[in-house]
Amino acid sequence: MIAISNDDPDAPEDVAAVKSFLTRQGAHFDNLIYNGKTELVEEFNVPGGLPFYELYDRQGKLRYTFSADPDAEHKIADAETRVKELLEE
């Protein structure tokens, strides 16, 4: 698992806020802070804006995408259920 933060990597207060948030959440995975050279949503083809999640199976196949977009096929609230499904496969 990785996370991509849409914060300014050159702003110490942004970096500190990201680290603090991840620590409070008990996140033990890589977090990348986006460099902001181009629009994050466009660069990573994120439909509907942030937050946005992609869920891959054990073979590395993209199985689900979850978006904040109200018209998205898979809602962010369903992510935990889908993770459990894939873990049972």
N, C-alpha and C. Protein backbone atom coordinates (compact mmCIF):
# COMPACT_ATOMS: atom_id res chain seq x y z
N MET A 1 0.84 -1.16 0.00
CA MET A 1 0.00 0.00 0.00
C MET A 1 0.89 1.23 0.00
N ILE A 2 0.48 2.21 -0.76
CA ILE A 2 1.12 3.51 -0.71
C ILE A 2 0.03 4.57 -0.68
N ALA A 3 0.39 5.72 -0.18
CA ALA A 3 -0.50 6.87 -0.19
C ALA A 3 0.21 8.00 -0.91
N ILE A 4 -0.56 8.83 -1.57
CA ILE A 4 0.00 10.01 -2.22
C ILE A 4 -0.71 11.22 -1.62
N SER A 5 0.09 12.09 -1.05
CA SER A 5 -0.45 13.30 -0.43
C SER A 5 -0.33 14.46 -1.40
N ASN A 6 -1.37 15.24 -1.49
CA ASN A 6 -1.39 16.41 -2.38
C ASN A 6 -1.00 17.66 -1.59
N ASP A 7 0.18 17.63 -0.98
CA ASP A 7 0.69 18.73 -0.20
C ASP A 7 2.02 19.19 -0.79
N ASP A 8 2.48 20.33 -0.38
CA ASP A 8 3.72 20.90 -0.89
C ASP A 8 4.91 20.27 -0.16
N PRO A 9 5.75 19.49 -0.86
CA PRO A 9 6.88 18.85 -0.19
C PRO A 9 7.96 19.84 0.26
N ASP A 10 7.89 21.08 -0.24
CA ASP A 10 8.87 22.09 0.16
C ASP A 10 8.38 22.96 1.32
N ALA A 11 7.19 22.69 1.80
CA ALA A 11 6.63 23.44 2.93
C ALA A 11 6.72 22.58 4.19
N PRO A 12 7.62 22.93 5.09
CA PRO A 12 7.81 22.11 6.30
C PRO A 12 6.52 21.87 7.08
N GLU A 13 5.62 22.87 7.12
CA GLU A 13 4.37 22.70 7.87
C GLU A 13 3.46 21.66 7.20
N ASP A 14 3.49 21.58 5.87
CA ASP A 14 2.70 20.57 5.16
C ASP A 14 3.25 19.17 5.44
N VAL A 15 4.56 19.04 5.35
CA VAL A 15 5.20 17.74 5.61
C VAL A 15 4.91 17.29 7.04
N ALA A 16 5.02 18.21 7.99
CA ALA A 16 4.75 17.88 9.39
C ALA A 16 3.30 17.46 9.58
N ALA A 17 2.38 18.14 8.92
CA ALA A 17 0.96 17.79 9.05
C ALA A 17 0.68 16.40 8.48
N VAL A 18 1.29 16.08 7.35
CA VAL A 18 1.11 14.75 6.75
C VAL A 18 1.65 13.68 7.68
N LYS A 19 2.86 13.88 8.19
CA LYS A 19 3.46 12.89 9.10
C LYS A 19 2.63 12.72 10.36
N SER A 20 2.14 13.81 10.90
CA SER A 20 1.32 13.75 12.11
C SER A 20 0.03 12.97 11.86
N PHE A 21 -0.62 13.25 10.73
CA PHE A 21 -1.85 12.55 10.39
C PHE A 21 -1.60 11.05 10.26
N LEU A 22 -0.56 10.67 9.53
CA LEU A 22 -0.27 9.24 9.32
C LEU A 22 0.07 8.55 10.64
N THR A 23 0.77 9.24 11.52
CA THR A 23 1.10 8.68 12.83
C THR A 23 -0.16 8.45 13.64
N ARG A 24 -1.05 9.44 13.66
CA ARG A 24 -2.31 9.30 14.41
C ARG A 24 -3.16 8.16 13.86
N GLN A 25 -3.09 7.93 12.56
CA GLN A 25 -3.88 6.87 11.93
C GLN A 25 -3.23 5.50 12.08
N GLY A 26 -2.01 5.45 12.58
CA GLY A 26 -1.30 4.17 12.69
C GLY A 26 -0.90 3.63 11.33
N ALA A 27 -0.66 4.51 10.37
CA ALA A 27 -0.31 4.11 9.01
C ALA A 27 1.14 3.64 8.95
N HIS A 28 1.32 2.42 8.52
CA HIS A 28 2.66 1.84 8.40
C HIS A 28 2.92 1.45 6.95
N PHE A 29 2.86 2.43 6.08
CA PHE A 29 3.11 2.19 4.67
C PHE A 29 3.73 3.45 4.08
N ASP A 30 4.23 3.34 2.88
CA ASP A 30 4.88 4.48 2.23
C ASP A 30 3.88 5.57 1.90
N ASN A 31 4.28 6.80 2.13
CA ASN A 31 3.48 7.95 1.73
C ASN A 31 4.35 8.85 0.87
N LEU A 32 3.87 9.16 -0.30
CA LEU A 32 4.57 10.06 -1.20
C LEU A 32 3.91 11.42 -1.13
N ILE A 33 4.72 12.46 -1.08
CA ILE A 33 4.17 13.81 -1.13
C ILE A 33 4.39 14.32 -2.53
N TYR A 34 3.30 14.59 -3.20
CA TYR A 34 3.32 14.97 -4.60
C TYR A 34 4.05 16.30 -4.79
N ASN A 35 4.85 16.39 -5.86
CA ASN A 35 5.67 17.58 -6.06
C ASN A 35 4.91 18.78 -6.62
N GLY A 36 3.70 18.60 -7.04
CA GLY A 36 2.87 19.71 -7.47
C GLY A 36 3.23 20.36 -8.80
N LYS A 37 4.10 19.72 -9.59
CA LYS A 37 4.49 20.33 -10.87
C LYS A 37 3.33 20.38 -11.85
N THR A 38 2.46 19.40 -11.79
CA THR A 38 1.23 19.43 -12.58
C THR A 38 0.09 19.07 -11.64
N GLU A 39 -1.09 19.23 -12.08
CA GLU A 39 -2.25 18.93 -11.27
C GLU A 39 -2.30 17.43 -10.95
N LEU A 40 -2.33 17.09 -9.67
CA LEU A 40 -2.33 15.70 -9.21
C LEU A 40 -3.45 14.90 -9.85
N VAL A 41 -4.63 15.45 -9.87
CA VAL A 41 -5.79 14.73 -10.40
C VAL A 41 -5.58 14.38 -11.87
N GLU A 42 -5.00 15.27 -12.63
CA GLU A 42 -4.73 14.99 -14.04
C GLU A 42 -3.56 14.03 -14.21
N GLU A 43 -2.50 14.25 -13.46
CA GLU A 43 -1.28 13.43 -13.58
C GLU A 43 -1.57 11.95 -13.32
N PHE A 44 -2.38 11.67 -12.32
CA PHE A 44 -2.66 10.29 -11.94
C PHE A 44 -4.02 9.81 -12.44
N ASN A 45 -4.67 10.60 -13.30
CA ASN A 45 -5.96 10.23 -13.88
C ASN A 45 -6.96 9.85 -12.79
N VAL A 46 -7.17 10.78 -11.87
CA VAL A 46 -8.07 10.56 -10.74
C VAL A 46 -9.44 11.17 -11.06
N PRO A 47 -10.39 10.33 -11.42
CA PRO A 47 -11.72 10.86 -11.74
C PRO A 47 -12.46 11.27 -10.47
N GLY A 48 -13.11 12.38 -10.50
CA GLY A 48 -13.95 12.79 -9.37
C GLY A 48 -13.20 13.42 -8.23
N GLY A 49 -11.91 13.62 -8.35
CA GLY A 49 -11.14 14.28 -7.28
C GLY A 49 -10.72 13.35 -6.17
N LEU A 50 -10.31 13.94 -5.07
CA LEU A 50 -9.77 13.20 -3.93
C LEU A 50 -10.80 13.15 -2.82
N PRO A 51 -10.81 12.11 -1.99
CA PRO A 51 -9.91 10.97 -2.03
C PRO A 51 -10.27 10.01 -3.17
N PHE A 52 -9.30 9.23 -3.55
CA PHE A 52 -9.45 8.24 -4.62
C PHE A 52 -8.60 7.04 -4.25
N TYR A 53 -9.15 5.85 -4.40
CA TYR A 53 -8.43 4.63 -4.05
C TYR A 53 -8.49 3.64 -5.22
N GLU A 54 -7.41 2.90 -5.38
CA GLU A 54 -7.39 1.77 -6.31
C GLU A 54 -7.08 0.53 -5.49
N LEU A 55 -7.79 -0.54 -5.75
CA LEU A 55 -7.60 -1.78 -5.01
C LEU A 55 -7.22 -2.89 -5.98
N TYR A 56 -6.07 -3.49 -5.74
CA TYR A 56 -5.53 -4.55 -6.59
C TYR A 56 -5.61 -5.88 -5.88
N ASP A 57 -5.77 -6.96 -6.66
CA ASP A 57 -5.78 -8.29 -6.05
C ASP A 57 -4.36 -8.81 -5.88
N ARG A 58 -4.23 -10.02 -5.39
CA ARG A 58 -2.90 -10.60 -5.10
C ARG A 58 -2.05 -10.78 -6.35
N GLN A 59 -2.69 -10.86 -7.50
CA GLN A 59 -1.95 -11.02 -8.75
C GLN A 59 -1.58 -9.67 -9.37
N GLY A 60 -1.96 -8.59 -8.70
CA GLY A 60 -1.63 -7.26 -9.19
C GLY A 60 -2.62 -6.70 -10.19
N LYS A 61 -3.77 -7.33 -10.32
CA LYS A 61 -4.81 -6.86 -11.24
C LYS A 61 -5.68 -5.83 -10.53
N LEU A 62 -5.90 -4.69 -11.19
CA LEU A 62 -6.78 -3.68 -10.65
C LEU A 62 -8.20 -4.23 -10.62
N ARG A 63 -8.79 -4.29 -9.43
CA ARG A 63 -10.13 -4.85 -9.30
C ARG A 63 -11.20 -3.81 -9.02
N TYR A 64 -10.85 -2.79 -8.25
CA TYR A 64 -11.84 -1.77 -7.90
C TYR A 64 -11.18 -0.40 -7.83
N THR A 65 -11.96 0.61 -8.17
CA THR A 65 -11.56 1.99 -7.90
C THR A 65 -12.68 2.61 -7.08
N PHE A 66 -12.28 3.43 -6.13
CA PHE A 66 -13.22 4.10 -5.25
C PHE A 66 -12.97 5.59 -5.34
N SER A 67 -14.04 6.34 -5.50
CA SER A 67 -13.90 7.77 -5.73
C SER A 67 -14.89 8.56 -4.89
N ALA A 68 -14.54 9.81 -4.65
CA ALA A 68 -15.45 10.72 -3.97
C ALA A 68 -16.58 11.17 -4.88
N ASP A 69 -16.45 10.89 -6.16
CA ASP A 69 -17.47 11.26 -7.13
C ASP A 69 -18.79 10.57 -6.77
N PRO A 70 -19.87 11.32 -6.59
CA PRO A 70 -21.15 10.70 -6.21
C PRO A 70 -21.68 9.73 -7.26
N ASP A 71 -21.21 9.83 -8.50
CA ASP A 71 -21.66 8.92 -9.55
C ASP A 71 -20.72 7.73 -9.75
N ALA A 72 -19.72 7.61 -8.90
CA ALA A 72 -18.75 6.52 -9.04
C ALA A 72 -19.43 5.17 -8.83
N GLU A 73 -18.95 4.18 -9.55
CA GLU A 73 -19.51 2.82 -9.43
C GLU A 73 -19.30 2.26 -8.03
N HIS A 74 -18.09 2.47 -7.48
CA HIS A 74 -17.77 1.95 -6.15
C HIS A 74 -17.54 3.12 -5.20
N LYS A 75 -18.28 3.15 -4.12
CA LYS A 75 -18.19 4.22 -3.14
C LYS A 75 -17.07 3.93 -2.14
N ILE A 76 -16.46 4.98 -1.65
CA ILE A 76 -15.37 4.83 -0.69
C ILE A 76 -15.83 4.05 0.54
N ALA A 77 -17.07 4.22 0.92
CA ALA A 77 -17.61 3.50 2.09
C ALA A 77 -17.60 1.99 1.89
N ASP A 78 -17.52 1.52 0.63
CA ASP A 78 -17.51 0.08 0.35
C ASP A 78 -16.11 -0.52 0.29
N ALA A 79 -15.10 0.30 0.45
CA ALA A 79 -13.72 -0.18 0.28
C ALA A 79 -13.37 -1.30 1.25
N GLU A 80 -13.73 -1.16 2.51
CA GLU A 80 -13.38 -2.19 3.50
C GLU A 80 -14.00 -3.54 3.14
N THR A 81 -15.23 -3.53 2.69
CA THR A 81 -15.90 -4.77 2.28
C THR A 81 -15.16 -5.42 1.12
N ARG A 82 -14.76 -4.62 0.14
CA ARG A 82 -14.04 -5.16 -1.02
C ARG A 82 -12.67 -5.69 -0.64
N VAL A 83 -11.98 -5.02 0.28
CA VAL A 83 -10.69 -5.52 0.77
C VAL A 83 -10.88 -6.90 1.39
N LYS A 84 -11.87 -7.05 2.24
CA LYS A 84 -12.14 -8.33 2.89
C LYS A 84 -12.44 -9.41 1.85
N GLU A 85 -13.21 -9.07 0.82
CA GLU A 85 -13.51 -10.03 -0.24
C GLU A 85 -12.23 -10.53 -0.90
N LEU A 86 -11.36 -9.60 -1.24
CA LEU A 86 -10.13 -9.99 -1.92
C LEU A 86 -9.20 -10.78 -1.01
N LEU A 87 -9.18 -10.47 0.26
CA LEU A 87 -8.36 -11.23 1.20
C LEU A 87 -8.83 -12.67 1.35
N GLU A 88 -10.12 -12.89 1.12
CA GLU A 88 -10.66 -14.24 1.22
C GLU A 88 -10.42 -15.07 -0.03
N GLU A 89 -10.00 -14.44 -1.12
CA GLU A 89 -9.76 -15.18 -2.37
C GLU A 89 -8.48 -15.98 -2.28
